[in-house]
Protein backbone atom coordinates (compact mmCIF):
# COMPACT_ATOMS: atom_id res chain seq x y z
CA MET A 1 19.68 11.91 31.13
CA LYS A 2 19.58 8.13 30.75
CA ARG A 3 18.63 7.16 27.23
CA SER A 4 15.94 4.61 26.55
CA ARG A 5 16.74 1.44 24.64
CA PRO A 6 14.68 0.37 21.63
CA THR A 7 12.36 -2.50 22.36
CA ASP A 8 12.41 -5.37 19.88
CA ALA A 9 9.10 -5.32 18.08
CA ASP A 10 8.90 -9.09 17.63
CA PRO A 11 10.80 -11.80 19.56
CA TYR A 12 10.97 -13.86 16.35
CA LEU A 13 12.99 -11.06 14.69
CA PRO A 14 15.26 -9.59 17.37
CA GLY A 15 17.11 -6.44 16.43
CA HIS A 16 14.44 -5.16 14.06
CA GLY A 17 11.91 -2.39 14.60
CA ASP A 18 11.27 0.20 17.29
CA VAL A 19 7.94 0.27 19.15
CA ARG A 20 8.40 3.86 20.33
CA PHE A 21 7.23 5.35 17.03
CA GLY A 22 5.25 4.54 13.92
CA VAL A 23 5.72 5.63 10.32
CA ASP A 24 2.57 6.90 8.63
CA HIS A 25 4.02 7.53 5.17
CA TYR A 26 7.22 6.85 3.24
CA ARG A 27 8.28 8.94 0.25
CA LEU A 28 11.16 7.18 -1.50
CA ASP A 29 13.08 8.79 -4.37
CA LEU A 30 15.48 6.24 -5.86
CA ALA A 31 18.00 6.20 -8.70
CA TYR A 32 19.58 2.91 -9.67
CA ASP A 33 22.56 2.05 -11.85
CA LEU A 34 21.84 -1.52 -12.83
CA PRO A 35 25.26 -2.61 -14.17
CA GLU A 36 26.93 -1.31 -10.99
CA ASN A 37 24.11 -2.34 -8.62
CA ARG A 38 24.40 1.17 -7.18
CA LEU A 39 21.49 2.85 -5.42
CA ASP A 40 21.33 6.61 -4.69
CA ALA A 41 18.28 7.54 -2.69
CA HIS A 42 16.38 10.03 -0.57
CA ALA A 43 13.66 9.06 1.93
CA ASP A 44 11.12 11.17 3.81
CA LEU A 45 9.42 9.42 6.72
CA ALA A 46 6.32 10.93 8.33
CA VAL A 47 6.60 9.71 11.92
CA THR A 48 4.19 9.68 14.87
CA ILE A 49 5.64 9.23 18.36
CA LEU A 50 3.98 6.41 20.31
CA GLU A 51 6.03 6.38 23.51
CA ARG A 52 7.89 9.15 25.32
CA THR A 53 11.40 9.15 23.88
CA ASP A 54 14.41 11.20 22.83
CA GLU A 55 15.64 8.57 20.36
CA LEU A 56 14.40 6.80 17.24
CA VAL A 57 16.01 3.72 15.74
CA LEU A 58 15.50 2.94 12.05
CA ASP A 59 16.52 -0.18 10.17
CA LEU A 60 18.84 0.24 7.16
CA TYR A 61 21.11 -2.60 6.08
CA ARG A 62 24.63 -1.95 4.73
CA LEU A 63 23.84 1.25 2.87
CA ASP A 64 25.73 4.47 3.58
CA VAL A 65 23.83 7.39 5.11
CA THR A 66 25.22 10.68 3.81
CA GLU A 67 22.81 13.15 5.40
CA LEU A 68 19.97 13.08 7.93
CA ASP A 69 17.62 15.72 9.26
CA VAL A 70 14.53 15.92 11.46
CA GLU A 71 11.63 18.36 11.19
CA GLY A 72 9.44 18.89 14.24
CA ALA A 73 12.18 18.35 16.83
CA GLU A 74 15.79 19.40 17.34
CA LEU A 75 18.29 16.84 16.06
CA LEU A 76 21.18 16.18 18.42
CA SER A 77 23.10 13.50 16.50
CA TRP A 78 22.80 10.33 14.47
CA HIS A 79 24.92 7.27 13.82
CA HIS A 80 24.58 4.23 11.59
CA ARG A 81 26.11 0.86 12.45
CA ARG A 82 25.66 -1.99 9.98
CA ASP A 83 21.85 -2.23 10.06
CA ARG A 84 20.60 0.21 12.76
CA LEU A 85 20.32 3.96 12.22
CA THR A 86 19.98 5.74 15.56
CA VAL A 87 18.54 9.26 15.59
CA ARG A 88 19.06 11.20 18.84
CA LEU A 89 16.94 14.23 19.63
CA ASP A 90 17.86 17.18 21.79
CA GLU A 91 14.58 16.86 23.69
CA VAL A 92 12.14 14.29 24.98
CA VAL A 93 9.22 13.98 22.56
CA GLU A 94 5.77 13.13 23.87
CA PRO A 95 3.35 10.57 22.35
CA GLY A 96 1.19 11.91 19.54
CA ARG A 97 3.77 14.33 18.20
CA SER A 98 4.51 14.27 14.47
CA LEU A 99 8.02 14.43 13.03
CA THR A 100 9.53 14.12 9.58
CA VAL A 101 12.83 12.26 9.25
CA THR A 102 14.73 12.75 6.00
CA VAL A 103 17.58 10.45 5.01
CA ASP A 104 19.97 10.61 2.06
CA TYR A 105 21.74 7.32 1.46
CA ARG A 106 23.55 5.31 -1.18
CA GLY A 107 25.41 2.09 -1.75
CA PHE A 108 25.24 -1.38 -3.19
CA PRO A 109 22.13 -3.15 -1.86
CA GLU A 110 22.21 -6.84 -0.99
CA THR A 111 20.12 -9.42 0.84
CA VAL A 112 20.12 -9.63 4.62
CA PRO A 113 20.49 -12.96 6.49
CA GLY A 114 17.50 -14.08 8.50
CA PRO A 115 15.92 -16.90 10.48
CA ASP A 116 15.06 -18.82 7.32
CA ASP A 117 16.70 -17.56 4.08
CA PRO A 118 18.23 -14.25 3.02
CA ALA A 119 15.66 -11.58 2.18
CA GLY A 120 15.49 -8.23 0.43
CA TRP A 121 17.21 -6.71 -2.60
CA GLU A 122 18.50 -9.39 -4.96
CA GLU A 123 20.26 -9.06 -8.30
CA LEU A 124 18.99 -11.22 -11.15
CA THR A 125 20.90 -12.15 -14.29
CA ASP A 126 19.49 -9.02 -15.92
CA GLY A 127 17.43 -7.10 -13.39
CA VAL A 128 16.42 -6.88 -9.75
CA LEU A 129 13.82 -8.36 -7.48
CA VAL A 130 12.94 -7.43 -3.91
CA ALA A 131 11.71 -10.34 -1.79
CA GLY A 132 11.19 -8.63 1.55
CA GLN A 133 9.60 -11.33 3.69
CA PRO A 134 10.09 -11.30 6.62
CA HIS A 135 12.62 -8.51 7.24
CA GLY A 136 14.18 -7.45 3.92
CA ALA A 137 12.74 -3.94 3.60
CA ALA A 138 15.81 -2.44 5.27
CA THR A 139 17.98 -3.59 2.36
CA TRP A 140 16.63 -0.74 0.20
CA PHE A 141 15.04 1.93 2.39
CA PRO A 142 15.23 3.16 6.01
CA CYS A 143 12.20 1.88 7.85
CA ASN A 144 10.65 0.83 11.12
CA ASN A 145 11.03 -2.81 10.24
CA ARG A 146 8.12 -4.39 12.06
CA ALA A 147 5.07 -6.01 10.52
CA ALA A 148 2.67 -4.13 12.80
CA ASP A 149 3.86 -0.71 11.59
CA LYS A 150 1.83 -0.15 8.42
CA ALA A 151 2.18 2.94 6.24
CA SER A 152 1.33 4.38 2.83
CA TYR A 153 4.04 4.91 0.21
CA LEU A 154 5.01 7.10 -2.73
CA LEU A 155 7.93 5.62 -4.66
CA THR A 156 9.88 6.97 -7.60
CA MET A 157 12.64 5.12 -9.45
CA THR A 158 14.96 6.41 -12.15
CA THR A 159 16.92 3.78 -14.08
CA ASP A 160 18.10 2.69 -17.52
CA PRO A 161 15.43 3.20 -20.21
CA GLU A 162 15.45 -0.37 -21.55
CA TYR A 163 14.16 -1.67 -18.20
CA THR A 164 10.64 -1.69 -16.82
CA VAL A 165 10.07 -0.86 -13.17
CA VAL A 166 7.19 -2.61 -11.40
CA ALA A 167 6.38 -1.86 -7.76
CA SER A 168 3.66 -2.32 -5.18
CA GLY A 169 0.78 0.05 -5.76
CA ALA A 170 -0.51 1.90 -8.80
CA LEU A 171 1.64 3.30 -11.60
CA GLU A 172 1.06 7.07 -11.48
CA ALA A 173 3.59 8.25 -14.08
CA GLU A 174 6.29 7.08 -16.45
CA ARG A 175 8.44 9.53 -18.38
CA PRO A 176 11.85 9.89 -20.04
CA MET A 177 14.55 11.98 -18.36
CA ASP A 178 16.84 14.51 -20.05
CA ASP A 179 19.84 12.28 -19.31
CA GLY A 180 18.33 9.38 -21.23
CA ARG A 181 17.12 7.41 -18.24
CA ARG A 182 13.46 6.71 -17.43
CA HIS A 183 11.50 7.82 -14.36
CA TRP A 184 8.70 5.77 -12.77
CA THR A 185 6.26 6.78 -10.01
CA TYR A 186 4.14 4.35 -7.97
CA SER A 187 1.74 5.11 -5.12
CA MET A 188 0.47 2.73 -2.46
CA PRO A 189 -2.25 4.58 -0.53
CA ASP A 190 -3.33 1.54 1.49
CA PRO A 191 -1.34 0.90 4.68
CA VAL A 192 1.04 -2.03 4.30
CA SER A 193 3.97 -3.36 6.31
CA PRO A 194 7.47 -2.38 5.13
CA TYR A 195 8.41 -5.95 4.23
CA MET A 196 5.40 -6.15 1.93
CA MET A 197 6.58 -3.32 -0.33
CA THR A 198 8.42 -4.54 -3.40
CA LEU A 199 10.32 -3.25 -6.39
CA GLN A 200 11.04 -5.27 -9.54
CA ILE A 201 13.26 -4.22 -12.45
CA GLY A 202 13.60 -6.17 -15.68
CA ARG A 203 13.14 -6.20 -19.43
CA TYR A 204 9.43 -6.74 -18.99
CA ARG A 205 6.46 -6.48 -21.30
CA ILE A 206 3.24 -5.69 -19.46
CA ASP A 207 -0.14 -7.08 -20.51
CA GLY A 208 -3.54 -6.56 -18.93
CA GLN A 209 -6.21 -9.13 -18.07
CA ASP A 210 -9.99 -8.85 -18.12
CA ALA A 211 -10.63 -9.37 -14.41
CA PRO A 212 -12.88 -8.08 -11.58
CA VAL A 213 -10.01 -5.75 -10.60
CA PRO A 214 -7.23 -4.35 -12.82
CA CYS A 215 -4.74 -7.20 -13.38
CA ARG A 216 -1.38 -7.10 -15.12
CA ILE A 217 1.25 -9.65 -16.09
CA ALA A 218 4.84 -8.41 -16.41
CA ALA A 219 7.16 -10.86 -18.14
CA PRO A 220 10.06 -11.01 -20.60
CA ALA A 221 9.01 -11.01 -24.26
CA ARG A 222 10.27 -14.58 -24.70
CA LEU A 223 7.77 -15.76 -22.08
CA HIS A 224 4.80 -13.74 -23.32
CA ASP A 225 2.71 -16.62 -24.67
CA ALA A 226 3.64 -18.97 -21.83
CA THR A 227 2.72 -16.46 -19.12
CA ARG A 228 -0.59 -15.52 -20.71
CA GLU A 229 -1.52 -19.19 -20.76
CA ALA A 230 -0.13 -19.98 -17.30
CA PHE A 231 -1.89 -17.06 -15.59
CA ALA A 232 -5.09 -17.17 -17.63
CA ASP A 233 -7.20 -18.28 -14.65
CA GLN A 234 -6.27 -15.40 -12.33
CA PRO A 235 -9.56 -13.53 -13.05
CA ARG A 236 -11.56 -16.64 -12.11
CA MET A 237 -9.42 -17.10 -9.00
CA ILE A 238 -10.25 -13.57 -7.90
CA GLU A 239 -13.96 -14.25 -8.44
CA ALA A 240 -13.79 -17.47 -6.39
CA PHE A 241 -11.87 -15.82 -3.57
CA GLU A 242 -14.18 -12.82 -3.47
CA ARG A 243 -17.14 -15.16 -3.04
CA MET A 244 -15.42 -16.90 -0.12
CA PHE A 245 -13.44 -14.07 1.50
CA GLY A 246 -15.00 -10.79 0.40
CA PRO A 247 -13.83 -8.01 -1.95
CA TYR A 248 -10.28 -7.97 -3.27
CA PRO A 249 -8.45 -5.56 -0.94
CA PHE A 250 -6.23 -3.49 -3.26
CA ALA A 251 -6.77 -1.34 -6.37
CA GLY A 252 -5.12 -3.90 -8.64
CA TYR A 253 -2.87 -6.95 -8.89
CA THR A 254 0.31 -7.66 -10.84
CA ALA A 255 2.06 -10.96 -11.44
CA VAL A 256 5.74 -10.46 -12.29
CA VAL A 257 7.54 -13.35 -14.01
CA THR A 258 11.31 -12.95 -13.96
CA ASP A 259 13.60 -14.11 -16.75
CA ASP A 260 15.40 -16.26 -14.15
CA ASP A 261 14.10 -19.43 -12.54
CA LEU A 262 13.15 -19.01 -8.87
CA GLU A 263 12.93 -21.67 -6.19
CA ILE A 264 9.61 -20.36 -4.92
CA PRO A 265 7.26 -17.49 -5.81
CA LEU A 266 6.62 -14.77 -3.24
CA GLU A 267 3.77 -12.38 -2.53
CA SER A 268 4.01 -8.68 -1.71
CA ALA A 269 1.43 -5.92 -1.50
CA SER A 270 -0.67 -5.94 -4.71
CA LEU A 271 2.05 -7.93 -6.53
CA SER A 272 3.50 -11.44 -6.60
CA THR A 273 6.79 -12.54 -8.12
CA PHE A 274 7.30 -15.80 -9.99
CA GLY A 275 10.23 -17.35 -11.82
CA ALA A 276 10.34 -18.32 -15.49
CA ASN A 277 9.93 -21.93 -14.31
CA HIS A 278 6.49 -21.09 -12.93
CA ALA A 279 5.04 -20.05 -16.30
CA THR A 280 3.24 -23.34 -16.93
CA ARG A 281 -0.26 -24.81 -16.69
CA SER A 282 0.90 -27.65 -14.44
CA ALA A 283 -1.29 -28.35 -11.42
CA GLU A 284 1.60 -27.48 -9.11
CA ASN A 285 2.09 -24.04 -10.62
CA GLN A 286 -1.64 -23.31 -10.70
CA ARG A 287 -1.65 -24.12 -6.99
CA LEU A 288 1.17 -21.62 -6.43
CA ILE A 289 -0.56 -18.92 -8.49
CA ALA A 290 -3.70 -19.33 -6.36
CA HIS A 291 -1.66 -19.37 -3.14
CA GLU A 292 0.17 -16.08 -3.85
CA LEU A 293 -3.02 -14.37 -5.02
CA ALA A 294 -4.81 -15.36 -1.79
CA HIS A 295 -2.06 -13.66 0.19
CA GLN A 296 -3.42 -10.32 -0.99
CA TRP A 297 -6.23 -10.90 1.52
CA PHE A 298 -4.22 -12.86 4.10
CA GLY A 299 -0.78 -11.46 4.76
CA ASN A 300 -0.77 -8.28 2.68
CA SER A 301 -4.07 -6.65 3.68
CA ILE A 302 -4.62 -8.54 6.94
CA THR A 303 -1.19 -8.95 8.51
CA ALA A 304 -0.12 -10.87 11.58
CA ARG A 305 0.99 -8.43 14.26
CA GLN A 306 3.77 -10.83 15.23
CA TRP A 307 5.38 -13.66 13.31
CA ARG A 308 4.22 -16.34 15.71
CA ASP A 309 0.77 -15.97 14.08
CA ILE A 310 2.11 -16.68 10.58
CA TRP A 311 -0.52 -19.42 10.22
CA LEU A 312 -3.02 -16.60 9.64
CA HIS A 313 -1.14 -15.92 6.40
CA GLU A 314 -0.05 -19.35 5.25
CA GLY A 315 -2.93 -21.42 6.56
CA PHE A 316 -5.45 -19.21 4.74
CA ALA A 317 -3.38 -19.15 1.53
CA ASN A 318 -3.01 -22.93 1.64
CA TYR A 319 -6.74 -23.30 2.21
CA ALA A 320 -7.39 -20.97 -0.75
CA GLU A 321 -5.56 -23.49 -2.96
CA TRP A 322 -8.24 -26.02 -2.04
CA VAL A 323 -11.02 -23.49 -2.63
CA TRP A 324 -9.65 -22.87 -6.12
CA SER A 325 -9.24 -26.60 -6.77
CA GLN A 326 -12.97 -27.09 -6.30
CA ALA A 327 -13.94 -23.90 -8.15
CA SER A 328 -11.80 -24.93 -11.14
CA GLY A 329 -13.43 -28.35 -11.38
CA ALA A 330 -10.51 -30.30 -9.97
CA LEU A 331 -10.57 -31.98 -6.55
CA PRO A 332 -13.28 -30.85 -4.09
CA THR A 333 -12.03 -28.89 -1.09
CA ALA A 334 -12.73 -31.77 1.31
CA ASP A 335 -10.68 -34.18 -0.83
CA CYS A 336 -7.77 -31.72 -0.87
CA ALA A 337 -8.01 -31.53 2.90
CA ARG A 338 -7.96 -35.32 3.21
CA GLU A 339 -4.89 -35.61 0.94
CA ASN A 340 -3.05 -32.98 2.96
CA TYR A 341 -4.03 -34.62 6.24
CA ALA A 342 -2.44 -37.84 4.97
CA GLN A 343 0.78 -35.88 4.31
CA LEU A 344 0.67 -34.30 7.76
CA VAL A 345 0.27 -37.67 9.50
CA GLU A 346 3.70 -38.66 8.17
CA LEU A 347 5.43 -35.62 9.71
CA PRO A 348 6.60 -35.17 13.32
CA GLN A 349 3.94 -33.66 15.57
CA ASP A 350 6.32 -31.56 17.63
CA ILE A 351 5.30 -27.94 16.98
CA VAL A 352 2.36 -25.81 18.05
CA ILE A 353 1.35 -23.77 15.02
CA SER A 354 0.10 -20.79 17.02
CA GLU A 355 3.66 -20.55 18.46
CA PRO A 356 5.93 -22.47 16.05
CA GLY A 357 9.21 -20.74 16.95
CA PRO A 358 11.28 -18.39 14.79
CA HIS A 359 12.94 -21.14 12.76
CA GLU A 360 9.70 -22.94 11.92
CA ILE A 361 7.48 -20.11 10.67
CA PHE A 362 7.73 -21.37 7.08
CA ASP A 363 7.53 -25.05 7.96
CA ASP A 364 5.13 -27.11 5.83
CA ARG A 365 3.27 -28.15 8.98
CA VAL A 366 2.30 -24.53 9.69
CA TYR A 367 0.85 -24.25 6.18
CA ILE A 368 -0.98 -27.57 6.11
CA ARG A 369 -2.20 -27.68 9.69
CA GLY A 370 -3.28 -24.03 9.42
CA ALA A 371 -5.37 -24.89 6.37
CA LEU A 372 -6.79 -27.97 8.09
CA THR A 373 -7.80 -25.75 11.02
CA LEU A 374 -9.95 -23.76 8.62
CA HIS A 375 -11.36 -26.94 7.09
CA ALA A 376 -12.21 -28.17 10.59
CA MET A 377 -13.97 -24.86 11.28
CA ARG A 378 -15.96 -25.22 8.06
CA VAL A 379 -17.00 -28.79 8.91
CA ALA A 380 -17.99 -27.72 12.42
CA LEU A 381 -19.98 -24.68 11.34
CA GLY A 382 -21.30 -25.60 7.93
CA ASP A 383 -20.64 -23.61 4.75
CA ASP A 384 -22.96 -20.69 5.50
CA LEU A 385 -21.76 -19.86 9.01
CA PHE A 386 -18.14 -20.51 8.09
CA GLY A 387 -18.42 -18.05 5.21
CA GLN A 388 -20.01 -15.46 7.49
CA VAL A 389 -17.19 -15.80 10.03
CA ILE A 390 -14.42 -15.50 7.45
CA ARG A 391 -16.00 -12.55 5.65
CA ARG A 392 -16.60 -10.84 9.00
CA TYR A 393 -12.94 -11.37 9.92
CA VAL A 394 -11.78 -9.96 6.57
CA ALA A 395 -14.08 -6.94 6.79
CA ASP A 396 -13.21 -6.22 10.43
CA HIS A 397 -9.45 -6.22 9.81
CA ARG A 398 -8.99 -4.93 6.26
CA HIS A 399 -5.51 -3.34 6.06
CA GLY A 400 -4.98 -3.98 9.76
CA VAL A 401 -2.82 -6.17 11.96
CA VAL A 402 -4.15 -9.21 13.78
CA SER A 403 -3.52 -12.10 16.11
CA THR A 404 -5.29 -15.43 16.36
CA ALA A 405 -7.57 -13.87 18.97
CA ASP A 406 -8.96 -11.51 16.32
CA LEU A 407 -10.23 -14.45 14.28
CA GLU A 408 -11.83 -15.84 17.43
CA TRP A 409 -13.50 -12.50 18.18
CA SER A 410 -14.91 -12.34 14.65
CA ALA A 411 -16.29 -15.84 15.20
CA ALA A 412 -17.91 -14.70 18.44
CA ALA A 413 -19.49 -11.71 16.67
CA VAL A 414 -21.20 -14.07 14.22
CA LEU A 415 -21.87 -17.12 16.40
CA GLY A 416 -22.41 -15.61 19.81
CA VAL A 417 -20.22 -16.22 22.85
CA ASP A 418 -21.40 -19.73 23.73
CA ARG A 419 -21.04 -21.26 20.27
CA ALA A 420 -17.74 -19.45 19.72
CA HIS A 421 -16.46 -20.89 23.01
CA HIS A 422 -17.52 -24.36 21.89
CA LEU A 423 -15.74 -23.82 18.56
CA ASP A 424 -12.61 -22.77 20.42
CA THR A 425 -12.52 -25.76 22.76
CA THR A 426 -13.46 -28.42 20.19
CA VAL A 427 -11.71 -27.10 17.06
CA LEU A 428 -9.33 -24.17 17.44
CA ARG A 429 -7.57 -25.21 20.62
CA PRO A 430 -6.62 -28.76 19.54
CA TRP A 431 -5.63 -27.69 16.02
CA LEU A 432 -3.75 -24.50 16.93
CA ARG A 433 -2.54 -24.78 20.53
CA GLU A 434 -1.77 -28.46 21.06
CA ARG A 435 0.89 -30.72 19.54
CA PRO A 436 -1.01 -33.97 18.94
CA LEU A 437 -2.70 -34.13 15.54
CA PRO A 438 -6.50 -34.17 15.94
CA PRO A 439 -8.56 -36.69 13.98
CA PHE A 440 -9.55 -35.70 10.45
CA PRO A 441 -12.65 -33.48 10.80
CA GLU A 442 -15.90 -35.22 9.93
CA ALA A 443 -19.35 -33.75 9.49
CA GLU A 444 -20.72 -35.15 12.75
CA THR A 445 -18.64 -32.60 14.72
CA VAL A 446 -21.00 -29.75 13.70
CA VAL A 447 -21.29 -26.94 16.26
CA GLY A 448 -24.97 -26.38 16.94
């Protein structure tokens, strides 16, 4: 029989993901030797077939598979080449059928090259961070590496006792092992994309914060006072964002501050990672702290189905910086928008942010113009209707995957078809789907 070929899940990330199946749950049992950067692991993947197939293709980058088995179907063979693990079945499996794929693997994890920068498992001076965006999950576990394939997770890690393990989700258990190592268990019951799962290992001290949701700061002891001061406003940020966007979407939030400096911070599900250089009260770092926190709503809970809609992550997070600026008593949101518009005017107007291209998804213009799109919506609708639209969008798509059309449909549900159509033609289309930069939005453009 002629075998089917895996279909790339996203044209911006060719060679990643398989649309013929979805993973509902990952159970990952990991053991890590930090001095050797050696990972020994076992993964159980609960799989649902989506398209008729006799083959599954998983992503796993430069780690050695030692054993593989399938429950629920007869395994014919498997092979692993560089970053693709192909599982061949001895029968055609129909949509809706459930399988369990188990994989034993080991090796020396490393980052994977990508369209922008390397992503995934990265050694620090004394520890590890996982920065998975956009495709780095396969550097530490076998996965269906597409943003639209969300799953729950149960993760255990055994490593040297002097290190603290911090991961996406809630800490369920921590205990010493007979061999002197320490065992950590984290659960993430909410569905998140593989690239949004993270694992951090370091000599961290963990402190709590009095916040609307459980908040923790994990940092080296030498940075304890600096991080408590730098991240002191996170509870107020959550309050401000909940007023604008709706309830915080996860059970808790952790800010990890590494002992190394990092070029940029990065969000993951229920956790963001910062460098030692970000542990300050400077306006720039407060902006970054607000930005990564906002990604818990936009990017981690509500995730773009394909990377061309990355503005739905970065535009919202950039706009949240301006929301926090006003809430904190600094510049009003409209003044932040005007300052950013002045920056945007100086840049080439040669991309369409609803389809920026794979090498431009993290371009500043996507961030700024995406945020200005939201400001233009707010000016056009007024504060009350704008808030209703955004909260409707957040509620409709909590822990789901979206495209730009989903935001437009949420607008239509609040505004009605005619006013939503007017919003689309006068605001969304010129800001999102055309290259020329529209005029700065003024109050007289209100949609009636």
